[in-house]
PDB file of N, CA and C in Angstrom:
ATOM      1  N   MET A   1      83.362 119.896 110.956  1.00  0.00           N
ATOM      2  CA  MET A   1      83.887 118.948 109.979  1.00  0.00           C
ATOM      3  C   MET A   1      84.696 119.681 108.916  1.00  0.00           C
ATOM      4  N   LYS A   2      85.868 119.178 108.566  1.00  0.00           N
ATOM      5  CA  LYS A   2      86.675 119.783 107.506  1.00  0.00           C
ATOM      6  C   LYS A   2      86.219 119.372 106.159  1.00  0.00           C
ATOM      7  N   THR A   3      86.572 120.211 105.172  1.00  0.00           N
ATOM      8  CA  THR A   3      86.192 119.985 103.776  1.00  0.00           C
ATOM      9  C   THR A   3      87.467 119.619 102.985  1.00  0.00           C
ATOM     10  N   LEU A   4      87.308 118.605 102.136  1.00  0.00           N
ATOM     11  CA  LEU A   4      88.453 118.184 101.301  1.00  0.00           C
ATOM     12  C   LEU A   4      87.916 118.112  99.835  1.00  0.00           C
ATOM     13  N   SER A   5      88.663 118.644  98.951  1.00  0.00           N
ATOM     14  CA  SER A   5      88.288 118.604  97.538  1.00  0.00           C
ATOM     15  C   SER A   5      89.248 117.645  96.844  1.00  0.00           C
ATOM     16  N   LEU A   6      88.747 116.827  95.970  1.00  0.00           N
ATOM     17  CA  LEU A   6      89.639 115.935  95.168  1.00  0.00           C
ATOM     18  C   LEU A   6      89.071 115.711  93.803  1.00  0.00           C
ATOM     19  N   LYS A   7      89.942 115.344  92.898  1.00  0.00           N
ATOM     20  CA  LYS A   7      89.538 115.123  91.504  1.00  0.00           C
ATOM     21  C   LYS A   7      89.470 113.616  91.262  1.00  0.00           C
ATOM     22  N   LEU A   8      88.350 113.230  90.603  1.00  0.00           N
ATOM     23  CA  LEU A   8      88.106 111.802  90.298  1.00  0.00           C
ATOM     24  C   LEU A   8      87.921 111.698  88.806  1.00  0.00           C
ATOM     25  N   HIS A   9      88.412 110.535  88.261  1.00  0.00           N
ATOM     26  CA  HIS A   9      88.094 110.215  86.868  1.00  0.00           C
ATOM     27  C   HIS A   9      86.628 110.008  86.784  1.00  0.00           C
ATOM     28  N   GLU A  10      86.043 110.243  85.649  1.00  0.00           N
ATOM     29  CA  GLU A  10      84.602 110.076  85.479  1.00  0.00           C
ATOM     30  C   GLU A  10      84.121 108.714  85.825  1.00  0.00           C
ATOM     31  N   SER A  11      84.906 107.672  85.440  1.00  0.00           N
ATOM     32  CA  SER A  11      84.485 106.304  85.717  1.00  0.00           C
ATOM     33  C   SER A  11      84.475 106.034  87.229  1.00  0.00           C
ATOM     34  N   LEU A  12      85.470 106.594  87.968  1.00  0.00           N
ATOM     35  CA  LEU A  12      85.418 106.391  89.425  1.00  0.00           C
ATOM     36  C   LEU A  12      84.283 107.141  90.017  1.00  0.00           C
ATOM     37  N   ASP A  13      83.977 108.364  89.557  1.00  0.00           N
ATOM     38  CA  ASP A  13      82.881 109.074  90.109  1.00  0.00           C
ATOM     39  C   ASP A  13      81.542 108.379  89.834  1.00  0.00           C
ATOM     40  N   ASN A  14      81.393 107.733  88.672  1.00  0.00           N
ATOM     41  CA  ASN A  14      80.174 106.975  88.329  1.00  0.00           C
ATOM     42  C   ASN A  14      80.040 105.790  89.281  1.00  0.00           C
ATOM     43  N   ARG A  15      81.159 105.093  89.551  1.00  0.00           N
ATOM     44  CA  ARG A  15      81.096 103.976  90.453  1.00  0.00           C
ATOM     45  C   ARG A  15      80.754 104.345  91.878  1.00  0.00           C
ATOM     46  N   LEU A  16      81.321 105.505  92.269  1.00  0.00           N
ATOM     47  CA  LEU A  16      81.041 106.032  93.589  1.00  0.00           C
ATOM     48  C   LEU A  16      79.532 106.416  93.699  1.00  0.00           C
ATOM     49  N   ALA A  17      78.965 107.040  92.664  1.00  0.00           N
ATOM     50  CA  ALA A  17      77.641 107.417  92.677  1.00  0.00           C
ATOM     51  C   ALA A  17      76.696 106.217  92.785  1.00  0.00           C
ATOM     52  N   VAL A  18      77.046 105.087  92.050  1.00  0.00           N
ATOM     53  CA  VAL A  18      76.231 103.886  92.104  1.00  0.00           C
ATOM     54  C   VAL A  18      76.302 103.322  93.549  1.00  0.00           C
ATOM     55  N   ALA A  19      77.534 103.257  94.096  1.00  0.00           N
ATOM     56  CA  ALA A  19      77.679 102.722  95.460  1.00  0.00           C
ATOM     57  C   ALA A  19      76.841 103.523  96.465  1.00  0.00           C
ATOM     58  N   ALA A  20      76.934 104.836  96.386  1.00  0.00           N
ATOM     59  CA  ALA A  20      76.178 105.694  97.293  1.00  0.00           C
ATOM     60  C   ALA A  20      74.668 105.526  97.171  1.00  0.00           C
ATOM     61  N   LYS A  21      74.233 105.396  95.910  1.00  0.00           N
ATOM     62  CA  LYS A  21      72.751 105.211  95.693  1.00  0.00           C
ATOM     63  C   LYS A  21      72.315 103.857  96.286  1.00  0.00           C
ATOM     64  N   LYS A  22      73.096 102.810  96.070  1.00  0.00           N
ATOM     65  CA  LYS A  22      72.784 101.471  96.623  1.00  0.00           C
ATOM     66  C   LYS A  22      72.677 101.475  98.161  1.00  0.00           C
ATOM     67  N   ARG A  23      73.583 102.260  98.783  1.00  0.00           N
ATOM     68  CA  ARG A  23      73.603 102.304 100.201  1.00  0.00           C
ATOM     69  C   ARG A  23      72.640 103.349 100.816  1.00  0.00           C
ATOM     70  N   GLY A  24      72.081 104.204  99.948  1.00  0.00           N
ATOM     71  CA  GLY A  24      71.227 105.269 100.389  1.00  0.00           C
ATOM     72  C   GLY A  24      71.952 106.357 101.191  1.00  0.00           C
ATOM     73  N   GLN A  25      73.253 106.541 100.734  1.00  0.00           N
ATOM     74  CA  GLN A  25      74.111 107.511 101.413  1.00  0.00           C
ATOM     75  C   GLN A  25      74.577 108.512 100.369  1.00  0.00           C
ATOM     76  N   THR A  26      75.207 109.548 100.876  1.00  0.00           N
ATOM     77  CA  THR A  26      75.837 110.532  99.999  1.00  0.00           C
ATOM     78  C   THR A  26      77.186 109.994  99.563  1.00  0.00           C
ATOM     79  N   LYS A  27      77.748 110.572  98.462  1.00  0.00           N
ATOM     80  CA  LYS A  27      79.065 110.138  97.987  1.00  0.00           C
ATOM     81  C   LYS A  27      80.057 110.495  99.092  1.00  0.00           C
ATOM     82  N   SER A  28      79.885 111.565  99.765  1.00  0.00           N
ATOM     83  CA  SER A  28      80.831 111.965 100.780  1.00  0.00           C
ATOM     84  C   SER A  28      80.819 110.949 101.915  1.00  0.00           C
ATOM     85  N   ALA A  29      79.738 110.431 102.303  1.00  0.00           N
ATOM     86  CA  ALA A  29      79.653 109.417 103.372  1.00  0.00           C
ATOM     87  C   ALA A  29      80.316 108.140 102.940  1.00  0.00           C
ATOM     88  N   VAL A  30      80.157 107.743 101.706  1.00  0.00           N
ATOM     89  CA  VAL A  30      80.836 106.520 101.243  1.00  0.00           C
ATOM     90  C   VAL A  30      82.351 106.706 101.255  1.00  0.00           C
ATOM     91  N   VAL A  31      82.806 107.862 100.780  1.00  0.00           N
ATOM     92  CA  VAL A  31      84.244 108.161 100.702  1.00  0.00           C
ATOM     93  C   VAL A  31      84.815 108.241 102.157  1.00  0.00           C
ATOM     94  N   ARG A  32      84.129 108.829 103.093  1.00  0.00           N
ATOM     95  CA  ARG A  32      84.527 108.845 104.502  1.00  0.00           C
ATOM     96  C   ARG A  32      84.690 107.462 105.061  1.00  0.00           C
ATOM     97  N   GLU A  33      83.668 106.616 104.793  1.00  0.00           N
ATOM     98  CA  GLU A  33      83.704 105.210 105.307  1.00  0.00           C
ATOM     99  C   GLU A  33      84.853 104.451 104.645  1.00  0.00           C
ATOM    100  N   ALA A  34      85.113 104.617 103.379  1.00  0.00           N
ATOM    101  CA  ALA A  34      86.175 103.924 102.688  1.00  0.00           C
ATOM    102  C   ALA A  34      87.544 104.349 103.166  1.00  0.00           C
ATOM    103  N   LEU A  35      87.713 105.638 103.391  1.00  0.00           N
ATOM    104  CA  LEU A  35      88.922 106.214 103.902  1.00  0.00           C
ATOM    105  C   LEU A  35      89.228 105.744 105.317  1.00  0.00           C
ATOM    106  N   GLU A  36      88.209 105.684 106.100  1.00  0.00           N
ATOM    107  CA  GLU A  36      88.369 105.190 107.491  1.00  0.00           C
ATOM    108  C   GLU A  36      88.789 103.703 107.515  1.00  0.00           C
ATOM    109  N   ALA A  37      88.148 102.911 106.623  1.00  0.00           N
ATOM    110  CA  ALA A  37      88.535 101.486 106.571  1.00  0.00           C
ATOM    111  C   ALA A  37      89.965 101.323 106.067  1.00  0.00           C
ATOM    112  N   PHE A  38      90.390 102.167 105.093  1.00  0.00           N
ATOM    113  CA  PHE A  38      91.737 102.104 104.564  1.00  0.00           C
ATOM    114  C   PHE A  38      92.777 102.453 105.629  1.00  0.00           C
ATOM    115  N   LEU A  39      92.535 103.512 106.357  1.00  0.00           N
ATOM    116  CA  LEU A  39      93.436 103.986 107.413  1.00  0.00           C
ATOM    117  C   LEU A  39      93.437 103.041 108.551  1.00  0.00           C
ATOM    118  N   GLN A  40      92.386 102.382 108.914  1.00  0.00           N
ATOM    119  CA  GLN A  40      92.323 101.407 109.948  1.00  0.00           C
ATOM    120  C   GLN A  40      93.235 100.188 109.577  1.00  0.00           C
ATOM    121  N   GLU A  41      93.203  99.763 108.335  1.00  0.00           N
ATOM    122  CA  GLU A  41      94.063  98.718 107.858  1.00  0.00           C
ATOM    123  C   GLU A  41      95.508  99.049 107.953  1.00  0.00           C
ATOM    124  N   GLN A  42      95.847 100.291 107.696  1.00  0.00           N
ATOM    125  CA  GLN A  42      97.236 100.739 107.686  1.00  0.00           C
ATOM    126  C   GLN A  42      97.837 100.905 109.103  1.00  0.00           C
ATOM    127  N   ARG A  43      96.969 101.009 110.095  1.00  0.00           N
ATOM    128  CA  ARG A  43      97.431 101.242 111.451  1.00  0.00           C
ATOM    129  C   ARG A  43      98.114 100.031 112.047  1.00  0.00           C
ATOM    130  N   THR A  44      99.290 100.256 112.601  1.00  0.00           N
ATOM    131  CA  THR A  44     100.029  99.216 113.307  1.00  0.00           C
ATOM    132  C   THR A  44     100.184  99.676 114.783  1.00  0.00           C
ATOM    133  N   PRO A  45     100.071  98.763 115.687  1.00  0.00           N
ATOM    134  CA  PRO A  45     100.181  99.124 117.074  1.00  0.00           C
ATOM    135  C   PRO A  45     101.525  99.759 117.395  1.00  0.00           C
ATOM    136  N   GLN A  46     101.564 100.810 118.102  1.00  0.00           N
ATOM    137  CA  GLN A  46     102.818 101.561 118.458  1.00  0.00           C
ATOM    138  C   GLN A  46     103.663 100.746 119.414  1.00  0.00           C
ATOM    139  N   SER A  47     103.063 100.006 120.303  1.00  0.00           N
ATOM    140  CA  SER A  47     103.861  99.331 121.312  1.00  0.00           C
ATOM    141  C   SER A  47     103.881  97.801 121.086  1.00  0.00           C
ATOM    142  N   ALA A  48     103.685  97.364 119.883  1.00  0.00           N
ATOM    143  CA  ALA A  48     103.675  95.957 119.580  1.00  0.00           C
ATOM    144  C   ALA A  48     105.049  95.361 119.648  1.00  0.00           C
ATOM    145  N   SER A  49     105.130  94.165 120.153  1.00  0.00           N
ATOM    146  CA  SER A  49     106.436  93.456 120.142  1.00  0.00           C
ATOM    147  C   SER A  49     106.635  92.764 118.817  1.00  0.00           C
ATOM    148  N   CYS A  50     107.829  92.282 118.564  1.00  0.00           N
ATOM    149  CA  CYS A  50     108.104  91.570 117.329  1.00  0.00           C
ATOM    150  C   CYS A  50     107.159  90.368 117.181  1.00  0.00           C
ATOM    151  N   LEU A  51     106.942  89.696 118.307  1.00  0.00           N
ATOM    152  CA  LEU A  51     106.089  88.484 118.267  1.00  0.00           C
ATOM    153  C   LEU A  51     104.627  88.932 117.886  1.00  0.00           C
ATOM    154  N   GLU A  52     104.131  90.030 118.439  1.00  0.00           N
ATOM    155  CA  GLU A  52     102.790  90.457 118.042  1.00  0.00           C
ATOM    156  C   GLU A  52     102.700  90.842 116.587  1.00  0.00           C
ATOM    157  N   LEU A  53     103.717  91.504 116.089  1.00  0.00           N
ATOM    158  CA  LEU A  53     103.769  91.904 114.694  1.00  0.00           C
ATOM    159  C   LEU A  53     103.848  90.700 113.752  1.00  0.00           C
ATOM    160  N   ALA A  54     104.475  89.644 114.204  1.00  0.00           N
ATOM    161  CA  ALA A  54     104.713  88.472 113.337  1.00  0.00           C
ATOM    162  C   ALA A  54     103.793  87.288 113.822  1.00  0.00           C
ATOM    163  N   ALA A  55     102.754  87.558 114.523  1.00  0.00           N
ATOM    164  CA  ALA A  55     101.967  86.505 115.117  1.00  0.00           C
ATOM    165  C   ALA A  55     101.371  85.549 114.132  1.00  0.00           C
ATOM    166  N   ASP A  56     101.031  86.048 112.892  1.00  0.00           N
ATOM    167  CA  ASP A  56     100.456  85.217 111.856  1.00  0.00           C
ATOM    168  C   ASP A  56     101.461  84.175 111.284  1.00  0.00           C
ATOM    169  N   VAL A  57     102.772  84.419 111.420  1.00  0.00           N
ATOM    170  CA  VAL A  57     103.799  83.464 110.884  1.00  0.00           C
ATOM    171  C   VAL A  57     104.582  82.823 112.028  1.00  0.00           C
ATOM    172  N   ALA A  58     104.468  83.241 113.217  1.00  0.00           N
ATOM    173  CA  ALA A  58     105.258  82.646 114.315  1.00  0.00           C
ATOM    174  C   ALA A  58     104.913  81.216 114.515  1.00  0.00           C
ATOM    175  N   GLY A  59     105.903  80.363 114.582  1.00  0.00           N
ATOM    176  CA  GLY A  59     105.667  78.956 114.845  1.00  0.00           C
ATOM    177  C   GLY A  59     105.261  78.162 113.571  1.00  0.00           C
ATOM    178  N   CYS A  60     105.351  78.699 112.400  1.00  0.00           N
ATOM    179  CA  CYS A  60     104.943  78.022 111.220  1.00  0.00           C
ATOM    180  C   CYS A  60     106.026  77.129 110.608  1.00  0.00           C
ATOM    181  N   LEU A  61     107.253  77.275 111.101  1.00  0.00           N
ATOM    182  CA  LEU A  61     108.389  76.483 110.607  1.00  0.00           C
ATOM    183  C   LEU A  61     108.868  75.504 111.625  1.00  0.00           C
ATOM    184  N   GLU A  62     109.528  74.473 111.185  1.00  0.00           N
ATOM    185  CA  GLU A  62     110.044  73.465 112.125  1.00  0.00           C
ATOM    186  C   GLU A  62     111.505  73.497 112.007  1.00  0.00           C
ATOM    187  N   GLY A  63     112.230  73.141 113.076  1.00  0.00           N
ATOM    188  CA  GLY A  63     113.706  73.070 113.050  1.00  0.00           C
ATOM    189  C   GLY A  63     114.215  72.808 114.464  1.00  0.00           C
ATOM    190  N   PRO A  64     115.521  72.775 114.620  1.00  0.00           N
ATOM    191  CA  PRO A  64     116.109  72.488 115.897  1.00  0.00           C
ATOM    192  C   PRO A  64     115.723  73.622 116.903  1.00  0.00           C
ATOM    193  N   ALA A  65     115.399  73.213 118.147  1.00  0.00           N
ATOM    194  CA  ALA A  65     114.998  74.144 119.154  1.00  0.00           C
ATOM    195  C   ALA A  65     116.174  75.081 119.619  1.00  0.00           C
ATOM    196  N   ASP A  66     117.366  74.592 119.436  1.00  0.00           N
ATOM    197  CA  ASP A  66     118.561  75.377 119.850  1.00  0.00           C
ATOM    198  C   ASP A  66     119.336  76.000 118.644  1.00  0.00           C
ATOM    199  N   LEU A  67     118.574  76.338 117.629  1.00  0.00           N
ATOM    200  CA  LEU A  67     119.256  76.868 116.364  1.00  0.00           C
ATOM    201  C   LEU A  67     120.054  78.137 116.622  1.00  0.00           C
ATOM    202  N   SER A  68     119.588  78.986 117.478  1.00  0.00           N
ATOM    203  CA  SER A  68     120.277  80.241 117.723  1.00  0.00           C
ATOM    204  C   SER A  68     121.459  80.125 118.665  1.00  0.00           C
ATOM    205  N   THR A  69     121.561  79.057 119.380  1.00  0.00           N
ATOM    206  CA  THR A  69     122.637  78.855 120.362  1.00  0.00           C
ATOM    207  C   THR A  69     123.491  77.715 120.112  1.00  0.00           C
ATOM    208  N   GLY A  70     123.048  76.727 119.369  1.00  0.00           N
ATOM    209  CA  GLY A  70     123.855  75.551 119.150  1.00  0.00           C
ATOM    210  C   GLY A  70     124.954  75.675 118.110  1.00  0.00           C
ATOM    211  N   GLN A  71     126.136  75.698 118.588  1.00  0.00           N
ATOM    212  CA  GLN A  71     127.353  75.888 117.719  1.00  0.00           C
ATOM    213  C   GLN A  71     127.422  74.917 116.566  1.00  0.00           C
ATOM    214  N   GLU A  72     126.977  73.661 116.815  1.00  0.00           N
ATOM    215  CA  GLU A  72     127.082  72.690 115.733  1.00  0.00           C
ATOM    216  C   GLU A  72     126.252  73.038 114.519  1.00  0.00           C
ATOM    217  N   HIS A  73     125.235  73.899 114.684  1.00  0.00           N
ATOM    218  CA  HIS A  73     124.427  74.315 113.573  1.00  0.00           C
ATOM    219  C   HIS A  73     125.142  75.393 112.735  1.00  0.00           C
ATOM    220  N   MET A  74     126.197  76.001 113.275  1.00  0.00           N
ATOM    221  CA  MET A  74     126.860  77.129 112.586  1.00  0.00           C
ATOM    222  C   MET A  74     128.008  76.659 111.712  1.00  0.00           C
ATOM    223  N   GLN A  75     128.424  75.384 111.804  1.00  0.00           N
ATOM    224  CA  GLN A  75     129.526  74.882 110.981  1.00  0.00           C
ATOM    225  C   GLN A  75     129.168  74.945 109.522  1.00  0.00           C
ATOM    226  N   GLY A  76     130.079  75.615 108.784  1.00  0.00           N
ATOM    227  CA  GLY A  76     129.872  75.776 107.279  1.00  0.00           C
ATOM    228  C   GLY A  76     128.939  76.933 106.925  1.00  0.00           C
ATOM    229  N   TYR A  77     128.480  77.604 107.946  1.00  0.00           N
ATOM    230  CA  TYR A  77     127.577  78.798 107.620  1.00  0.00           C
ATOM    231  C   TYR A  77     128.344  79.907 106.964  1.00  0.00           C
ATOM    232  N   GLY A  78     127.873  80.466 105.912  1.00  0.00           N
ATOM    233  CA  GLY A  78     128.553  81.623 105.221  1.00  0.00           C
ATOM    234  C   GLY A  78     129.598  81.197 104.230  1.00  0.00           C
ATOM    235  N   ARG A  79     129.743  79.909 103.959  1.00  0.00           N
ATOM    236  CA  ARG A  79     130.754  79.485 102.916  1.00  0.00           C
ATOM    237  C   ARG A  79     130.112  79.103 101.692  1.00  0.00           C
TER     238      ARG A  79
END
């Protein structure tokens, strides 16, 4: 296992110590768990399609089904 040193403000160190004591873990274990959770949230699939990346908003709007191809929808666009 690698070692990492970091500087914490006293208030953050106190909060970390309280969290570690409540969990019955070391401060290092709590920091490792928090870092793992943070990095997991930041991870995006490497081979995800646009639809997969926008799955939470896909289909939430209504409009004409032929909006991208219907020339009548383009009249006056950009003016």
